[in-house]
N, C-alpha and C. Protein backbone atom coordinates (compact mmCIF):
# COMPACT_ATOMS: atom_id res chain seq x y z
N MET A 1 37.99 42.92 66.52
CA MET A 1 37.55 41.56 66.80
C MET A 1 36.20 41.63 67.49
N ARG A 2 35.24 40.90 66.95
CA ARG A 2 33.87 40.92 67.48
C ARG A 2 33.73 39.96 68.65
N ALA A 3 32.78 40.28 69.53
CA ALA A 3 32.49 39.40 70.68
C ALA A 3 31.31 38.49 70.37
N THR A 4 31.06 38.26 69.09
CA THR A 4 29.98 37.36 68.71
C THR A 4 30.56 36.18 67.95
N GLY A 5 29.79 35.13 67.87
CA GLY A 5 30.24 33.94 67.17
C GLY A 5 30.31 32.77 68.12
N GLU A 6 30.83 31.66 67.63
CA GLU A 6 30.94 30.46 68.46
C GLU A 6 32.25 30.48 69.22
N PHE A 7 32.17 30.40 70.54
CA PHE A 7 33.35 30.33 71.40
C PHE A 7 33.42 28.93 71.97
N ARG A 8 34.61 28.36 71.96
CA ARG A 8 34.78 27.05 72.59
C ARG A 8 36.17 26.97 73.20
N LEU A 9 36.28 26.10 74.19
CA LEU A 9 37.56 25.80 74.81
C LEU A 9 38.06 24.49 74.24
N ARG A 10 39.34 24.47 73.91
CA ARG A 10 39.98 23.26 73.42
C ARG A 10 41.21 23.01 74.27
N PRO A 11 41.39 21.78 74.75
CA PRO A 11 42.60 21.50 75.53
C PRO A 11 43.86 21.84 74.73
N VAL A 12 44.82 22.42 75.42
CA VAL A 12 46.11 22.75 74.80
C VAL A 12 46.83 21.45 74.45
N VAL A 13 47.50 21.46 73.32
CA VAL A 13 48.38 20.36 72.91
C VAL A 13 49.77 20.96 72.69
N GLU A 14 50.78 20.10 72.65
CA GLU A 14 52.16 20.60 72.50
C GLU A 14 52.33 21.51 71.30
N GLY A 15 51.60 21.24 70.23
CA GLY A 15 51.69 22.08 69.04
C GLY A 15 51.25 23.51 69.24
N ASP A 16 50.56 23.80 70.35
CA ASP A 16 50.11 25.16 70.66
C ASP A 16 51.21 25.99 71.33
N LEU A 17 52.29 25.36 71.76
CA LEU A 17 53.31 26.07 72.53
C LEU A 17 53.92 27.27 71.80
N PRO A 18 54.20 27.21 70.49
CA PRO A 18 54.74 28.41 69.84
C PRO A 18 53.78 29.61 69.92
N LEU A 19 52.49 29.37 69.75
CA LEU A 19 51.51 30.45 69.86
C LEU A 19 51.47 30.99 71.28
N ILE A 20 51.42 30.11 72.26
CA ILE A 20 51.37 30.55 73.66
C ILE A 20 52.64 31.31 74.01
N THR A 21 53.79 30.84 73.53
CA THR A 21 55.06 31.55 73.77
C THR A 21 55.00 32.95 73.17
N ARG A 22 54.48 33.07 71.95
CA ARG A 22 54.37 34.40 71.32
C ARG A 22 53.49 35.31 72.17
N TRP A 23 52.35 34.79 72.64
CA TRP A 23 51.48 35.61 73.48
C TRP A 23 52.16 36.00 74.78
N MET A 24 52.89 35.07 75.40
CA MET A 24 53.57 35.37 76.66
C MET A 24 54.64 36.45 76.49
N ASN A 25 55.16 36.60 75.28
CA ASN A 25 56.18 37.60 75.02
C ASN A 25 55.62 38.95 74.59
N ASP A 26 54.32 39.07 74.49
CA ASP A 26 53.69 40.36 74.23
C ASP A 26 53.86 41.20 75.50
N PRO A 27 54.37 42.41 75.41
CA PRO A 27 54.62 43.22 76.62
C PRO A 27 53.39 43.38 77.52
N ALA A 28 52.20 43.51 76.94
CA ALA A 28 50.99 43.67 77.76
C ALA A 28 50.69 42.41 78.57
N VAL A 29 51.03 41.26 78.04
CA VAL A 29 50.84 39.99 78.75
C VAL A 29 51.99 39.75 79.72
N ALA A 30 53.20 39.99 79.25
CA ALA A 30 54.40 39.72 80.05
C ALA A 30 54.40 40.48 81.37
N ALA A 31 53.78 41.65 81.39
CA ALA A 31 53.75 42.45 82.62
C ALA A 31 53.06 41.73 83.77
N PHE A 32 52.16 40.80 83.44
CA PHE A 32 51.40 40.12 84.49
C PHE A 32 51.66 38.63 84.57
N TRP A 33 52.06 38.00 83.49
CA TRP A 33 52.29 36.55 83.51
C TRP A 33 53.72 36.20 83.86
N GLU A 34 54.65 37.07 83.63
CA GLU A 34 56.06 36.84 83.96
C GLU A 34 56.61 35.58 83.31
N LEU A 35 56.17 35.30 82.09
CA LEU A 35 56.67 34.13 81.36
C LEU A 35 57.27 34.53 80.02
N ALA A 36 57.65 35.79 79.88
CA ALA A 36 58.31 36.23 78.65
C ALA A 36 59.70 35.61 78.61
N GLY A 37 60.11 35.25 77.41
CA GLY A 37 61.42 34.65 77.25
C GLY A 37 61.39 33.55 76.22
N PRO A 38 62.38 32.68 76.26
CA PRO A 38 62.46 31.61 75.25
C PRO A 38 61.33 30.60 75.41
N ALA A 39 61.16 29.82 74.36
CA ALA A 39 60.10 28.80 74.34
C ALA A 39 60.22 27.84 75.51
N GLU A 40 61.43 27.57 75.96
CA GLU A 40 61.63 26.63 77.07
C GLU A 40 60.93 27.11 78.34
N LEU A 41 60.85 28.40 78.53
CA LEU A 41 60.17 28.95 79.71
C LEU A 41 58.67 28.62 79.67
N THR A 42 58.07 28.83 78.51
CA THR A 42 56.65 28.49 78.35
C THR A 42 56.45 26.99 78.50
N GLU A 43 57.35 26.21 77.91
CA GLU A 43 57.24 24.75 78.00
C GLU A 43 57.30 24.28 79.45
N ARG A 44 58.22 24.85 80.24
CA ARG A 44 58.32 24.45 81.66
C ARG A 44 57.05 24.79 82.43
N HIS A 45 56.34 25.81 81.99
CA HIS A 45 55.10 26.20 82.66
C HIS A 45 53.92 25.35 82.19
N VAL A 46 53.82 25.11 80.90
CA VAL A 46 52.62 24.47 80.33
C VAL A 46 52.69 22.95 80.34
N LEU A 47 53.83 22.37 79.98
CA LEU A 47 53.90 20.91 79.81
C LEU A 47 53.47 20.12 81.05
N PRO A 48 53.85 20.51 82.28
CA PRO A 48 53.38 19.74 83.44
C PRO A 48 51.85 19.71 83.57
N GLN A 49 51.20 20.73 83.02
CA GLN A 49 49.74 20.78 83.09
C GLN A 49 49.08 19.80 82.12
N LEU A 50 49.84 19.31 81.15
CA LEU A 50 49.28 18.37 80.18
C LEU A 50 49.23 16.95 80.72
N ALA A 51 49.93 16.69 81.82
CA ALA A 51 49.90 15.36 82.43
C ALA A 51 48.52 15.11 83.03
N PRO A 52 48.06 13.86 83.01
CA PRO A 52 46.72 13.56 83.55
C PRO A 52 46.52 14.03 84.99
N ASP A 53 47.58 14.01 85.78
CA ASP A 53 47.46 14.45 87.18
C ASP A 53 48.08 15.83 87.37
N GLY A 54 48.16 16.61 86.29
CA GLY A 54 48.77 17.94 86.35
C GLY A 54 48.04 18.86 87.30
N PRO A 55 48.70 19.95 87.68
CA PRO A 55 48.13 20.87 88.66
C PRO A 55 46.93 21.65 88.14
N SER A 56 46.82 21.77 86.85
CA SER A 56 45.69 22.48 86.26
C SER A 56 45.50 22.00 84.83
N ARG A 57 44.48 22.50 84.19
CA ARG A 57 44.19 22.13 82.80
C ARG A 57 44.31 23.39 81.94
N PRO A 58 45.19 23.37 80.94
CA PRO A 58 45.29 24.53 80.04
C PRO A 58 44.38 24.36 78.82
N TYR A 59 43.78 25.46 78.41
CA TYR A 59 42.89 25.46 77.25
C TYR A 59 43.20 26.65 76.36
N LEU A 60 42.94 26.49 75.08
CA LEU A 60 42.88 27.63 74.17
C LEU A 60 41.42 27.98 74.00
N GLY A 61 41.12 29.27 74.02
CA GLY A 61 39.79 29.74 73.71
C GLY A 61 39.74 30.10 72.24
N LEU A 62 38.81 29.49 71.53
CA LEU A 62 38.68 29.72 70.09
C LEU A 62 37.37 30.45 69.82
N LEU A 63 37.45 31.54 69.09
CA LEU A 63 36.26 32.28 68.68
C LEU A 63 36.13 32.11 67.18
N ASP A 64 35.05 31.46 66.77
CA ASP A 64 34.86 31.09 65.36
C ASP A 64 36.08 30.37 64.81
N GLY A 65 36.66 29.49 65.64
CA GLY A 65 37.78 28.66 65.22
C GLY A 65 39.15 29.30 65.36
N ALA A 66 39.21 30.59 65.63
CA ALA A 66 40.50 31.29 65.73
C ALA A 66 40.91 31.40 67.20
N PRO A 67 42.17 31.10 67.53
CA PRO A 67 42.63 31.23 68.92
C PRO A 67 42.63 32.69 69.37
N VAL A 68 41.97 32.96 70.50
CA VAL A 68 41.92 34.32 71.03
C VAL A 68 42.33 34.40 72.49
N SER A 69 42.40 33.26 73.17
CA SER A 69 42.69 33.32 74.61
C SER A 69 43.34 32.02 75.08
N TYR A 70 44.04 32.16 76.21
CA TYR A 70 44.67 31.03 76.88
C TYR A 70 44.10 30.99 78.29
N TRP A 71 43.70 29.80 78.74
CA TRP A 71 43.06 29.62 80.05
C TRP A 71 43.75 28.52 80.82
N GLU A 72 43.84 28.69 82.12
CA GLU A 72 44.25 27.62 83.02
C GLU A 72 43.15 27.46 84.05
N VAL A 73 42.62 26.26 84.16
CA VAL A 73 41.55 25.95 85.12
C VAL A 73 42.13 24.97 86.13
N TYR A 74 41.97 25.27 87.41
CA TYR A 74 42.58 24.42 88.43
C TYR A 74 41.68 24.26 89.64
N GLN A 75 41.88 23.16 90.35
CA GLN A 75 41.18 22.92 91.61
C GLN A 75 41.92 23.69 92.70
N VAL A 76 41.22 24.64 93.30
CA VAL A 76 41.86 25.48 94.31
C VAL A 76 42.40 24.64 95.47
N ALA A 77 41.70 23.58 95.84
CA ALA A 77 42.14 22.74 96.96
C ALA A 77 43.53 22.15 96.73
N ARG A 78 43.94 22.01 95.46
CA ARG A 78 45.26 21.46 95.12
C ARG A 78 46.29 22.56 94.85
N ASP A 79 45.91 23.81 95.07
CA ASP A 79 46.77 24.95 94.74
C ASP A 79 47.08 25.75 96.00
N ARG A 80 48.20 26.42 95.99
CA ARG A 80 48.58 27.23 97.16
C ARG A 80 47.58 28.35 97.45
N LEU A 81 46.78 28.75 96.44
CA LEU A 81 45.80 29.81 96.65
C LEU A 81 44.85 29.47 97.79
N ALA A 82 44.58 28.19 98.01
CA ALA A 82 43.66 27.77 99.07
C ALA A 82 44.10 28.27 100.44
N GLY A 83 45.38 28.53 100.63
CA GLY A 83 45.88 29.02 101.90
C GLY A 83 45.75 30.52 102.09
N TYR A 84 45.22 31.22 101.08
CA TYR A 84 45.15 32.68 101.14
C TYR A 84 43.74 33.24 101.30
N TYR A 85 42.73 32.39 101.25
CA TYR A 85 41.35 32.85 101.43
C TYR A 85 40.54 31.65 101.93
N PRO A 86 39.32 31.88 102.42
CA PRO A 86 38.50 30.76 102.90
C PRO A 86 37.95 29.93 101.74
N ALA A 87 38.79 29.08 101.19
CA ALA A 87 38.39 28.24 100.06
C ALA A 87 37.30 27.27 100.48
N GLU A 88 36.41 26.99 99.55
CA GLU A 88 35.34 26.02 99.78
C GLU A 88 35.58 24.79 98.93
N PRO A 89 35.11 23.63 99.38
CA PRO A 89 35.27 22.42 98.57
C PRO A 89 34.68 22.62 97.17
N GLY A 90 35.42 22.22 96.18
CA GLY A 90 34.95 22.32 94.81
C GLY A 90 35.27 23.61 94.10
N ASP A 91 35.85 24.60 94.79
CA ASP A 91 36.22 25.85 94.13
C ASP A 91 37.14 25.56 92.95
N LEU A 92 36.86 26.18 91.82
CA LEU A 92 37.74 26.12 90.66
C LEU A 92 38.34 27.51 90.44
N GLY A 93 39.62 27.54 90.14
CA GLY A 93 40.30 28.79 89.85
C GLY A 93 40.58 28.91 88.36
N VAL A 94 40.67 30.16 87.89
CA VAL A 94 41.01 30.40 86.49
C VAL A 94 42.10 31.46 86.38
N HIS A 95 42.96 31.24 85.41
CA HIS A 95 43.91 32.25 84.94
C HIS A 95 43.63 32.39 83.45
N LEU A 96 43.77 33.57 82.91
CA LEU A 96 43.53 33.73 81.49
C LEU A 96 44.32 34.88 80.92
N LEU A 97 44.47 34.84 79.62
CA LEU A 97 45.00 35.98 78.89
C LEU A 97 44.31 36.05 77.55
N LEU A 98 44.13 37.27 77.07
CA LEU A 98 43.67 37.47 75.70
C LEU A 98 44.92 37.60 74.85
N GLY A 99 45.05 36.75 73.84
CA GLY A 99 46.28 36.68 73.07
C GLY A 99 46.49 37.80 72.09
N PRO A 100 45.70 37.87 71.02
CA PRO A 100 45.94 38.89 70.02
C PRO A 100 45.67 40.29 70.57
N PRO A 101 46.54 41.25 70.31
CA PRO A 101 46.30 42.61 70.81
C PRO A 101 44.93 43.17 70.41
N GLU A 102 44.45 42.80 69.22
CA GLU A 102 43.15 43.32 68.77
C GLU A 102 41.99 42.73 69.56
N ALA A 103 42.23 41.72 70.39
CA ALA A 103 41.18 41.14 71.23
C ALA A 103 40.99 41.93 72.52
N ARG A 104 41.91 42.84 72.80
CA ARG A 104 41.88 43.56 74.07
C ARG A 104 41.22 44.94 73.92
N GLY A 105 40.62 45.39 75.03
CA GLY A 105 40.07 46.74 75.06
C GLY A 105 38.73 46.91 74.36
N ARG A 106 38.04 45.82 74.07
CA ARG A 106 36.77 45.89 73.34
C ARG A 106 35.63 45.21 74.08
N GLY A 107 35.87 44.80 75.32
CA GLY A 107 34.83 44.12 76.08
C GLY A 107 34.78 42.62 75.88
N LEU A 108 35.65 42.09 75.02
CA LEU A 108 35.66 40.66 74.75
C LEU A 108 36.02 39.86 76.00
N GLY A 109 36.93 40.37 76.81
CA GLY A 109 37.35 39.66 78.02
C GLY A 109 36.18 39.33 78.92
N ALA A 110 35.32 40.31 79.18
CA ALA A 110 34.16 40.08 80.06
C ALA A 110 33.22 39.04 79.47
N VAL A 111 33.02 39.09 78.16
CA VAL A 111 32.13 38.13 77.50
C VAL A 111 32.69 36.72 77.64
N LEU A 112 33.99 36.56 77.37
CA LEU A 112 34.59 35.23 77.44
C LEU A 112 34.66 34.72 78.87
N ILE A 113 34.97 35.59 79.82
CA ILE A 113 34.99 35.19 81.23
C ILE A 113 33.61 34.70 81.65
N ASP A 114 32.58 35.42 81.23
CA ASP A 114 31.21 35.01 81.55
C ASP A 114 30.91 33.63 80.99
N ARG A 115 31.27 33.39 79.74
CA ARG A 115 30.99 32.10 79.10
C ARG A 115 31.75 30.97 79.79
N VAL A 116 33.01 31.18 80.10
CA VAL A 116 33.79 30.13 80.75
C VAL A 116 33.26 29.89 82.16
N ALA A 117 32.90 30.94 82.88
CA ALA A 117 32.33 30.76 84.21
C ALA A 117 31.05 29.93 84.14
N GLU A 118 30.20 30.21 83.16
CA GLU A 118 28.98 29.41 83.00
C GLU A 118 29.30 27.94 82.79
N LEU A 119 30.29 27.65 81.97
CA LEU A 119 30.69 26.26 81.74
C LEU A 119 31.18 25.61 83.03
N LEU A 120 32.06 26.30 83.74
CA LEU A 120 32.66 25.73 84.95
C LEU A 120 31.64 25.56 86.06
N LEU A 121 30.68 26.47 86.13
CA LEU A 121 29.69 26.40 87.20
C LEU A 121 28.67 25.28 86.99
N ARG A 122 28.72 24.61 85.88
CA ARG A 122 27.89 23.42 85.70
C ARG A 122 28.35 22.30 86.63
N ASP A 123 29.66 22.28 86.91
CA ASP A 123 30.24 21.21 87.73
C ASP A 123 30.85 21.69 89.04
N ALA A 124 30.96 22.98 89.22
CA ALA A 124 31.61 23.52 90.42
C ALA A 124 30.67 24.52 91.10
N PRO A 125 30.74 24.62 92.43
CA PRO A 125 29.88 25.58 93.12
C PRO A 125 30.35 27.02 92.97
N ARG A 126 31.67 27.20 92.70
CA ARG A 126 32.20 28.57 92.68
C ARG A 126 33.45 28.62 91.81
N VAL A 127 33.63 29.75 91.14
CA VAL A 127 34.82 30.00 90.34
C VAL A 127 35.51 31.22 90.94
N VAL A 128 36.83 31.13 91.07
CA VAL A 128 37.61 32.22 91.66
C VAL A 128 38.75 32.61 90.72
N ALA A 129 39.22 33.83 90.87
CA ALA A 129 40.39 34.30 90.14
C ALA A 129 41.10 35.31 91.01
N GLU A 130 42.36 35.56 90.69
CA GLU A 130 43.14 36.51 91.49
C GLU A 130 44.01 37.38 90.59
N PRO A 131 43.36 38.25 89.77
CA PRO A 131 44.15 39.12 88.91
C PRO A 131 44.98 40.12 89.72
N ASP A 132 46.11 40.49 89.16
CA ASP A 132 46.99 41.48 89.75
C ASP A 132 46.22 42.79 89.92
N VAL A 133 46.37 43.47 91.06
CA VAL A 133 45.65 44.72 91.29
C VAL A 133 46.00 45.77 90.24
N ARG A 134 47.19 45.69 89.66
CA ARG A 134 47.59 46.66 88.62
C ARG A 134 46.89 46.40 87.30
N ASN A 135 46.34 45.20 87.13
CA ASN A 135 45.68 44.85 85.87
C ASN A 135 44.21 45.24 85.97
N THR A 136 43.97 46.54 85.93
CA THR A 136 42.62 47.05 86.14
C THR A 136 41.65 46.58 85.05
N ALA A 137 42.14 46.40 83.83
CA ALA A 137 41.26 45.91 82.76
C ALA A 137 40.76 44.50 83.08
N SER A 138 41.63 43.65 83.59
CA SER A 138 41.22 42.29 83.94
C SER A 138 40.23 42.31 85.10
N VAL A 139 40.52 43.09 86.12
CA VAL A 139 39.61 43.18 87.27
C VAL A 139 38.23 43.64 86.81
N ARG A 140 38.19 44.68 85.97
CA ARG A 140 36.91 45.18 85.46
C ARG A 140 36.18 44.11 84.65
N SER A 141 36.93 43.35 83.85
CA SER A 141 36.30 42.30 83.04
C SER A 141 35.65 41.24 83.93
N PHE A 142 36.33 40.85 84.99
CA PHE A 142 35.74 39.87 85.91
C PHE A 142 34.48 40.44 86.55
N GLU A 143 34.52 41.70 86.96
CA GLU A 143 33.34 42.31 87.58
C GLU A 143 32.18 42.40 86.58
N ARG A 144 32.46 42.77 85.35
CA ARG A 144 31.42 42.84 84.33
C ARG A 144 30.85 41.46 84.02
N ALA A 145 31.62 40.42 84.27
CA ALA A 145 31.16 39.04 84.05
C ALA A 145 30.48 38.45 85.28
N GLY A 146 30.16 39.29 86.27
CA GLY A 146 29.39 38.82 87.42
C GLY A 146 30.19 38.36 88.61
N PHE A 147 31.51 38.51 88.57
CA PHE A 147 32.33 38.17 89.74
C PHE A 147 32.26 39.32 90.72
N ARG A 148 32.37 39.00 91.99
CA ARG A 148 32.38 40.05 93.02
C ARG A 148 33.74 40.07 93.69
N ARG A 149 34.15 41.26 94.07
CA ARG A 149 35.41 41.41 94.80
C ARG A 149 35.23 40.87 96.20
N ALA A 150 36.20 40.07 96.63
CA ALA A 150 36.15 39.50 97.98
C ALA A 150 37.35 39.95 98.80
N GLY A 151 38.10 40.92 98.29
CA GLY A 151 39.24 41.43 99.03
C GLY A 151 40.51 41.39 98.20
N GLU A 152 41.61 41.74 98.87
CA GLU A 152 42.92 41.70 98.22
C GLU A 152 43.79 40.68 98.93
N LEU A 153 44.67 40.06 98.17
CA LEU A 153 45.58 39.04 98.68
C LEU A 153 47.01 39.47 98.45
N GLU A 154 47.84 39.23 99.41
CA GLU A 154 49.28 39.47 99.27
C GLU A 154 49.92 38.13 98.95
N LEU A 155 50.13 37.87 97.66
CA LEU A 155 50.76 36.64 97.21
C LEU A 155 52.26 36.89 97.04
N PRO A 156 53.07 35.84 97.03
CA PRO A 156 54.52 36.05 96.91
C PRO A 156 54.92 36.86 95.68
N GLU A 157 54.22 36.68 94.57
CA GLU A 157 54.62 37.34 93.33
C GLU A 157 53.81 38.57 92.97
N LYS A 158 52.73 38.85 93.71
CA LYS A 158 51.88 40.00 93.36
C LYS A 158 50.89 40.30 94.47
N ARG A 159 50.35 41.50 94.40
CA ARG A 159 49.17 41.85 95.19
C ARG A 159 47.99 41.62 94.25
N ALA A 160 47.02 40.85 94.70
CA ALA A 160 45.94 40.43 93.81
C ALA A 160 44.57 40.81 94.37
N VAL A 161 43.63 40.96 93.47
CA VAL A 161 42.23 41.14 93.83
C VAL A 161 41.58 39.76 93.74
N LEU A 162 41.00 39.29 94.82
CA LEU A 162 40.28 38.02 94.81
C LEU A 162 38.86 38.30 94.31
N VAL A 163 38.48 37.62 93.23
CA VAL A 163 37.13 37.75 92.69
C VAL A 163 36.47 36.38 92.69
N LEU A 164 35.18 36.35 92.99
CA LEU A 164 34.42 35.10 93.12
C LEU A 164 33.12 35.18 92.35
N ARG A 165 32.71 34.06 91.81
CA ARG A 165 31.37 33.95 91.21
C ARG A 165 30.84 32.58 91.55
N ASP A 166 29.63 32.54 92.08
CA ASP A 166 29.03 31.25 92.42
C ASP A 166 27.80 31.00 91.56
N ARG A 167 27.27 29.81 91.67
CA ARG A 167 26.12 29.43 90.84
C ARG A 167 24.95 30.38 91.00
N ALA A 168 24.71 30.83 92.20
CA ALA A 168 23.56 31.69 92.47
C ALA A 168 23.64 33.00 91.69
N ARG A 169 24.85 33.46 91.37
CA ARG A 169 25.02 34.72 90.66
C ARG A 169 25.06 34.53 89.14
N THR A 170 25.03 33.31 88.67
CA THR A 170 25.20 33.06 87.24
C THR A 170 24.12 33.70 86.40
N ARG A 171 22.87 33.55 86.77
CA ARG A 171 21.77 34.11 85.98
C ARG A 171 21.89 35.63 85.91
N THR A 172 22.20 36.28 87.01
CA THR A 172 22.34 37.73 87.04
C THR A 172 23.48 38.18 86.13
N ALA A 173 24.59 37.50 86.19
CA ALA A 173 25.75 37.88 85.40
C ALA A 173 25.46 37.76 83.91
N SER A 174 24.79 36.72 83.52
CA SER A 174 24.54 36.50 82.10
C SER A 174 23.69 37.60 81.49
N THR A 175 22.83 38.22 82.27
CA THR A 175 22.02 39.29 81.72
C THR A 175 22.85 40.56 81.55
N ARG A 176 23.95 40.69 82.27
CA ARG A 176 24.80 41.88 82.14
C ARG A 176 25.71 41.80 80.93
N THR A 177 26.20 40.64 80.58
CA THR A 177 27.12 40.51 79.45
C THR A 177 26.34 39.99 78.26
N THR A 178 25.66 40.89 77.58
CA THR A 178 24.83 40.48 76.46
C THR A 178 25.69 40.24 75.24
N THR A 179 25.47 39.11 74.62
CA THR A 179 26.22 38.74 73.43
C THR A 179 25.51 37.57 72.77
N SER A 180 25.81 37.38 71.52
CA SER A 180 25.25 36.22 70.84
C SER A 180 26.27 35.09 70.76
N THR A 181 27.32 35.18 71.55
CA THR A 181 28.34 34.15 71.53
C THR A 181 27.77 32.84 72.05
N ARG A 182 27.91 31.79 71.25
CA ARG A 182 27.51 30.45 71.67
C ARG A 182 28.75 29.79 72.23
N THR A 183 28.58 28.95 73.22
CA THR A 183 29.73 28.37 73.90
C THR A 183 29.71 26.85 73.83
N ARG A 184 30.92 26.28 73.65
CA ARG A 184 31.12 24.83 73.69
C ARG A 184 32.45 24.56 74.37
N THR A 185 32.58 23.38 74.87
CA THR A 185 33.88 22.97 75.38
C THR A 185 34.18 21.57 74.91
N ASN A 186 35.43 21.33 74.65
CA ASN A 186 35.90 19.97 74.35
C ASN A 186 36.76 19.58 75.53
N ARG A 187 36.28 18.69 76.35
CA ARG A 187 37.05 18.32 77.54
C ARG A 187 37.82 17.07 77.30
């Protein structure tokens, strides 16, 4: 799978749940998302996010029209994460997974993280994430996309690496993740 082409975010709709469930049941994903199991488990996680006042916004990442990633974007101030680090007003958090196995291990994660961070930083001063410390590929992808390590967090379900990227670092990060991927979002 190439890291070039048009990348866009599309809001998740109920019809995406079978695909998201399949991705959640991939052993490489299940090790960190803990949502492997029947479709009802995925539904209980995703459907509340589809409400207008939901805790976060779920998106599918499409590369040349094909689904390659699942994203959750949330306001840190409305999330328990705000109690674990010095959150700033306007911080946006992200969770993500690369769905198809062929999308992993090729540098695509860093490219997509960079593109999504650029989109989010148009409206937010800072983007944060907290990948599991055991997920070294994810941590490396965030670092390659211009995020900096800000420490480790002991969360109830995992030990996490807190990574941050702010507007001031955006230009520097974009020069590190070279790609011809064009980005769009449908909000």
